[in-house]
């Protein structure tokens, strides 16, 4: 494992002599724009290993993406290697279909301490809820970013991340009507505590999320990548391109339904991904997350 090889993968060419917020932000942004958030291994008949060297080999050498336990574990290694003070944390993700948080920890994120301030760094949430900048760990303060306004709320030692979304404009109204575009407004993302975690604490979660029918990652094949002005996402056969703040505090959303024969080409051209095994796309409703346990 070589930090220079990792930075070549993310196209980061900046200095990391100065361990400041600007450098941290730059490293994060290069990661999320180069490394997709994806669970395609599950739908290619492959196993997602909870192992740093396996994540490094998959993401850096094979130029794949990964989910939080791969992406954020690798990002944690990179940040620690250049000298940042990094702690693993565990979160419970909000499930909008049922208006509940996951009953158990199902997301890995990072806390980075700079001087007398702490920041949450998450390079692996994906889709439109991916933060583009480290977020200062303060409660009740709006932290505007290109994707929208994020903020933390702290209650009795539990921290809640939420995002305020913009209106969405879709040129093709036929597609927008049938694919349930999210409304503007505030939406929870996840909750977490500041209890330090060890990667081994995610082993059961790593297995559960790729085997149980109630898992989002079993019921949907997902690949998303942040761009310089928005995101690209492929969920099942639905390919979405979003441009943030396209006009008048409005995001531009373009949706296209792909044919089976277009999937491989789209992954290569839009996400720079080439899979070893054949992908079987899926996008179905999932049971209540309580059925994961």
Protein backbone atom coordinates (compact mmCIF):
# COMPACT_ATOMS: atom_id res chain seq x y z
CA UNK A 1 0.00 0.00 0.00
CA UNK A 2 1.49 3.28 -1.18
CA UNK A 3 0.07 6.74 -0.46
CA UNK A 4 1.41 8.06 -3.77
CA UNK A 5 -0.46 5.31 -5.62
CA UNK A 6 -3.64 6.24 -3.76
CA UNK A 7 -3.24 9.91 -4.67
CA UNK A 8 -2.60 8.95 -8.30
CA UNK A 9 -5.93 7.06 -8.21
CA UNK A 10 -7.76 10.17 -6.99
CA UNK A 11 -5.71 12.56 -9.20
CA UNK A 12 -4.69 14.54 -6.11
CA UNK A 13 -1.51 16.48 -6.88
CA UNK A 14 -1.50 18.96 -4.01
CA UNK A 15 0.89 19.14 -1.10
CA UNK A 16 0.12 17.47 2.22
CA UNK A 17 2.92 19.10 4.21
CA UNK A 18 0.41 21.38 5.91
CA UNK A 19 -2.29 19.43 7.73
CA UNK A 20 -4.98 22.10 7.56
CA UNK A 21 -8.68 22.25 6.64
CA UNK A 22 -7.98 23.30 3.05
CA UNK A 23 -5.80 20.24 2.43
CA UNK A 24 -8.32 17.95 4.14
CA UNK A 25 -11.10 19.35 1.95
CA UNK A 26 -9.02 18.93 -1.20
CA UNK A 27 -8.20 15.28 -0.40
CA UNK A 28 -11.88 14.54 0.34
CA UNK A 29 -13.11 16.18 -2.88
CA UNK A 30 -10.61 14.31 -5.02
CA UNK A 31 -11.71 11.05 -3.43
CA UNK A 32 -15.45 11.51 -4.00
CA UNK A 33 -14.95 12.66 -7.60
CA UNK A 34 -12.71 9.73 -8.50
CA UNK A 35 -14.03 6.82 -6.44
CA UNK A 36 -17.68 5.86 -6.93
CA UNK A 37 -19.95 4.94 -4.06
CA UNK A 38 -21.12 1.54 -5.31
CA UNK A 39 -22.31 -1.88 -4.21
CA UNK A 40 -21.99 -3.60 -7.58
CA UNK A 41 -19.87 -6.46 -6.20
CA UNK A 42 -22.97 -7.83 -4.49
CA UNK A 43 -24.77 -7.97 -7.84
CA UNK A 44 -21.80 -9.48 -9.65
CA UNK A 45 -21.62 -12.53 -7.39
CA UNK A 46 -18.65 -11.14 -5.43
CA UNK A 47 -18.13 -10.74 -1.68
CA UNK A 48 -17.31 -7.37 -0.09
CA UNK A 49 -14.43 -7.96 2.31
CA UNK A 50 -13.96 -5.94 5.48
CA UNK A 51 -10.22 -5.65 5.01
CA UNK A 52 -8.10 -2.57 4.35
CA UNK A 53 -5.73 -4.25 1.92
CA UNK A 54 -8.67 -5.74 0.00
CA UNK A 55 -10.30 -2.28 -0.20
CA UNK A 56 -6.99 -0.78 -1.36
CA UNK A 57 -6.55 -3.42 -4.06
CA UNK A 58 -10.14 -3.04 -5.28
CA UNK A 59 -10.31 0.77 -5.28
CA UNK A 60 -6.73 1.81 -6.06
CA UNK A 61 -5.43 -1.00 -8.27
CA UNK A 62 -8.63 -2.25 -9.92
CA UNK A 63 -10.07 1.29 -10.09
CA UNK A 64 -13.39 0.24 -8.61
CA UNK A 65 -15.52 2.02 -6.03
CA UNK A 66 -17.01 0.72 -2.82
CA UNK A 67 -19.43 1.36 0.02
CA UNK A 68 -18.72 3.11 3.32
CA UNK A 69 -16.75 0.31 4.97
CA UNK A 70 -14.39 0.21 1.98
CA UNK A 71 -14.25 3.87 0.96
CA UNK A 72 -14.06 5.46 4.40
CA UNK A 73 -11.69 2.82 5.73
CA UNK A 74 -9.34 3.57 2.82
CA UNK A 75 -9.77 7.33 3.24
CA UNK A 76 -9.03 6.95 6.97
CA UNK A 77 -5.80 5.13 6.12
CA UNK A 78 -4.78 7.85 3.65
CA UNK A 79 -5.48 10.67 6.11
CA UNK A 80 -3.64 8.90 8.94
CA UNK A 81 -0.71 8.17 6.63
CA UNK A 82 -0.15 11.86 5.89
CA UNK A 83 -0.56 12.71 9.58
CA UNK A 84 -4.18 13.61 10.37
CA UNK A 85 -5.80 12.68 13.71
CA UNK A 86 -8.61 10.34 12.58
CA UNK A 87 -11.21 8.36 14.55
CA UNK A 88 -13.73 5.87 13.14
CA UNK A 89 -17.36 6.46 14.13
CA UNK A 90 -20.55 4.48 13.51
CA UNK A 91 -23.89 5.84 12.32
CA UNK A 92 -27.47 4.68 11.80
CA UNK A 93 -28.84 5.76 8.42
CA UNK A 94 -32.31 7.30 8.04
CA UNK A 95 -34.72 5.21 5.93
CA UNK A 96 -37.17 7.62 4.23
CA UNK A 97 -39.58 4.90 3.04
CA UNK A 98 -40.44 4.08 6.65
CA UNK A 99 -39.46 7.34 8.40
CA UNK A 100 -37.12 5.51 10.79
CA UNK A 101 -33.41 5.23 11.50
CA UNK A 102 -31.74 1.84 11.14
CA UNK A 103 -32.05 -0.13 14.37
CA UNK A 104 -28.31 -0.87 14.46
CA UNK A 105 -25.10 0.77 13.26
CA UNK A 106 -24.91 0.52 9.45
CA UNK A 107 -22.58 3.32 8.32
CA UNK A 108 -18.89 4.08 8.88
CA UNK A 109 -17.75 7.72 9.00
CA UNK A 110 -14.70 9.63 10.22
CA UNK A 111 -13.92 12.30 12.80
CA UNK A 112 -10.83 14.41 12.17
CA UNK A 113 -9.41 16.75 14.84
CA UNK A 114 -7.67 19.92 13.66
CA UNK A 115 -6.33 22.05 16.50
CA UNK A 116 -9.22 22.71 18.89
CA UNK A 117 -11.94 21.80 16.37
CA UNK A 118 -13.44 18.48 15.31
CA UNK A 119 -14.77 17.75 11.83
CA UNK A 120 -16.87 14.96 10.37
CA UNK A 121 -15.40 13.63 7.14
CA UNK A 122 -17.52 11.23 5.10
CA UNK A 123 -16.28 10.19 1.67
CA UNK A 124 -18.77 7.38 1.24
CA UNK A 125 -22.42 8.26 1.55
CA UNK A 126 -23.00 8.81 -2.14
CA UNK A 127 -25.97 10.10 -4.12
CA UNK A 128 -27.29 13.61 -3.33
CA UNK A 129 -26.53 13.38 0.41
CA UNK A 130 -22.76 13.19 -0.03
CA UNK A 131 -20.99 16.04 1.77
CA UNK A 132 -18.41 17.82 -0.35
CA UNK A 133 -16.52 19.43 2.53
CA UNK A 134 -15.60 18.36 6.07
CA UNK A 135 -18.29 19.54 8.47
CA UNK A 136 -17.39 21.21 11.74
CA UNK A 137 -18.87 19.30 14.65
CA UNK A 138 -21.15 22.02 16.00
CA UNK A 139 -24.86 21.78 16.72
CA UNK A 140 -27.56 23.91 15.12
CA UNK A 141 -25.40 25.82 12.64
CA UNK A 142 -26.14 25.78 8.90
CA UNK A 143 -23.11 24.69 6.85
CA UNK A 144 -23.87 25.51 3.19
CA UNK A 145 -22.17 23.43 0.52
CA UNK A 146 -22.70 22.96 -3.22
CA UNK A 147 -25.10 19.99 -2.71
CA UNK A 148 -27.25 22.03 -0.28
CA UNK A 149 -27.29 23.18 3.34
CA UNK A 150 -26.11 20.57 5.85
CA UNK A 151 -26.32 20.86 9.62
CA UNK A 152 -25.84 18.86 12.79
CA UNK A 153 -28.23 18.79 15.72
CA UNK A 154 -27.04 17.31 19.01
CA UNK A 155 -29.47 15.87 21.59
CA UNK A 156 -28.27 14.06 24.71
CA UNK A 157 -25.00 12.97 23.12
CA UNK A 158 -26.59 11.82 19.85
CA UNK A 159 -25.70 13.81 16.74
CA UNK A 160 -28.14 14.09 13.82
CA UNK A 161 -27.06 15.05 10.31
CA UNK A 162 -29.70 16.62 8.06
CA UNK A 163 -29.71 18.31 4.69
CA UNK A 164 -31.91 21.07 3.26
CA UNK A 165 -32.64 20.30 -0.38
CA UNK A 166 -33.45 22.62 -3.25
CA UNK A 167 -36.30 22.42 -5.72
CA UNK A 168 -35.71 20.07 -8.61
CA UNK A 169 -36.32 20.76 -12.29
CA UNK A 170 -36.70 17.86 -14.71
CA UNK A 171 -37.02 18.67 -18.43
CA UNK A 172 -38.81 15.38 -19.19
CA UNK A 173 -41.96 15.52 -17.07
CA UNK A 174 -43.02 12.01 -18.11
CA UNK A 175 -39.96 10.55 -16.43
CA UNK A 176 -40.19 12.79 -13.35
CA UNK A 177 -43.83 11.86 -12.75
CA UNK A 178 -43.07 8.14 -12.76
CA UNK A 179 -39.84 8.24 -10.77
CA UNK A 180 -40.79 10.16 -7.63
CA UNK A 181 -38.35 13.03 -7.49
CA UNK A 182 -37.71 14.10 -3.93
CA UNK A 183 -39.37 17.27 -2.75
CA UNK A 184 -37.41 20.23 -1.47
CA UNK A 185 -37.06 20.73 2.25
CA UNK A 186 -35.14 19.32 5.18
CA UNK A 187 -34.39 15.61 5.37
CA UNK A 188 -32.54 13.53 7.97
CA UNK A 189 -29.45 11.68 6.73
CA UNK A 190 -28.12 9.72 9.71
CA UNK A 191 -27.48 9.81 13.45
CA UNK A 192 -24.28 8.93 15.27
CA UNK A 193 -22.43 9.25 18.57
CA UNK A 194 -18.79 10.18 19.19
CA UNK A 195 -17.92 6.76 20.61
CA UNK A 196 -14.69 5.65 18.86
CA UNK A 197 -15.11 2.48 16.83
CA UNK A 198 -12.76 -0.24 15.68
CA UNK A 199 -13.16 -1.61 12.16
CA UNK A 200 -13.86 -5.07 13.62
CA UNK A 201 -17.10 -3.70 15.11
CA UNK A 202 -18.43 -3.43 11.53
CA UNK A 203 -17.86 -7.08 10.65
CA UNK A 204 -21.42 -8.24 11.37
CA UNK A 205 -22.81 -5.15 9.60
CA UNK A 206 -20.64 -5.82 6.56
CA UNK A 207 -22.05 -9.35 6.29
CA UNK A 208 -25.65 -8.37 7.04
CA UNK A 209 -25.84 -5.58 4.46
CA UNK A 210 -24.79 -7.86 1.60
CA UNK A 211 -26.89 -10.90 2.52
CA UNK A 212 -30.22 -9.87 4.08
CA UNK A 213 -33.26 -9.24 1.89
CA UNK A 214 -34.17 -6.10 3.86
CA UNK A 215 -30.81 -4.49 3.04
CA UNK A 216 -30.90 -1.53 0.66
CA UNK A 217 -27.76 -2.93 -0.95
CA UNK A 218 -29.37 -6.30 -1.70
CA UNK A 219 -32.56 -4.77 -3.12
CA UNK A 220 -30.83 -2.15 -5.31
CA UNK A 221 -27.70 -2.08 -7.44
CA UNK A 222 -26.20 1.36 -6.83
CA UNK A 223 -23.38 3.37 -8.34
CA UNK A 224 -22.98 7.12 -7.79
CA UNK A 225 -20.16 9.56 -8.43
CA UNK A 226 -19.79 13.21 -7.50
CA UNK A 227 -18.83 15.56 -10.35
CA UNK A 228 -17.54 19.14 -10.27
CA UNK A 229 -21.10 20.51 -10.33
CA UNK A 230 -23.40 17.66 -9.28
CA UNK A 231 -23.71 13.89 -9.33
CA UNK A 232 -24.23 10.90 -11.60
CA UNK A 233 -26.07 7.84 -10.35
CA UNK A 234 -27.13 4.48 -11.69
CA UNK A 235 -29.71 2.62 -9.57
CA UNK A 236 -30.87 -0.54 -11.27
CA UNK A 237 -31.57 0.65 -14.83
CA UNK A 238 -32.26 4.29 -13.88
CA UNK A 239 -29.43 6.64 -14.82
CA UNK A 240 -29.64 10.12 -13.26
CA UNK A 241 -27.49 13.20 -13.81
CA UNK A 242 -27.98 16.09 -11.42
CA UNK A 243 -26.53 19.59 -11.70
CA UNK A 244 -26.61 21.51 -8.43
CA UNK A 245 -28.01 25.05 -8.27
CA UNK A 246 -28.70 25.04 -12.01
CA UNK A 247 -30.78 28.23 -11.67
CA UNK A 248 -32.81 30.11 -9.05
CA UNK A 249 -31.85 27.77 -6.18
CA UNK A 250 -32.97 24.80 -8.27
CA UNK A 251 -31.19 21.54 -9.18
CA UNK A 252 -31.43 20.20 -12.73
CA UNK A 253 -32.30 16.48 -12.76
CA UNK A 254 -32.18 14.41 -15.94
CA UNK A 255 -33.30 10.77 -15.82
CA UNK A 256 -32.97 8.05 -18.42
CA UNK A 257 -33.96 4.39 -18.25
CA UNK A 258 -31.25 2.22 -19.75
CA UNK A 259 -31.58 -1.00 -21.68
CA UNK A 260 -29.58 -3.98 -20.42
CA UNK A 261 -27.06 -3.60 -23.23
CA UNK A 262 -26.34 0.02 -22.22
CA UNK A 263 -25.34 -0.73 -18.62
CA UNK A 264 -21.74 -1.80 -19.22
CA UNK A 265 -21.01 1.12 -21.56
CA UNK A 266 -22.56 3.63 -19.14
CA UNK A 267 -20.49 2.33 -16.22
CA UNK A 268 -17.33 2.69 -18.28
CA UNK A 269 -18.08 6.11 -19.81
CA UNK A 270 -19.79 7.83 -16.86
CA UNK A 271 -18.12 6.18 -13.87
CA UNK A 272 -14.81 4.87 -15.33
CA UNK A 273 -15.73 1.41 -14.05
CA UNK A 274 -15.01 -1.92 -15.69
CA UNK A 275 -16.37 -4.98 -13.89
CA UNK A 276 -14.71 -8.41 -13.86
CA UNK A 277 -18.03 -10.25 -13.63
CA UNK A 278 -21.44 -9.65 -15.17
CA UNK A 279 -23.70 -7.22 -13.32
CA UNK A 280 -27.31 -8.22 -12.72
CA UNK A 281 -29.11 -4.88 -12.14
CA UNK A 282 -31.88 -4.70 -9.56
CA UNK A 283 -34.12 -1.97 -8.17
CA UNK A 284 -36.97 -3.19 -5.99
CA UNK A 285 -38.69 -2.08 -2.82
CA UNK A 286 -37.24 -3.47 0.36
CA UNK A 287 -38.87 -4.70 3.57
CA UNK A 288 -38.76 -2.68 6.78
CA UNK A 289 -35.13 -2.36 8.01
CA UNK A 290 -36.07 -4.05 11.29
CA UNK A 291 -36.16 -7.27 9.25
CA UNK A 292 -32.40 -6.98 8.84
CA UNK A 293 -31.93 -8.23 12.38
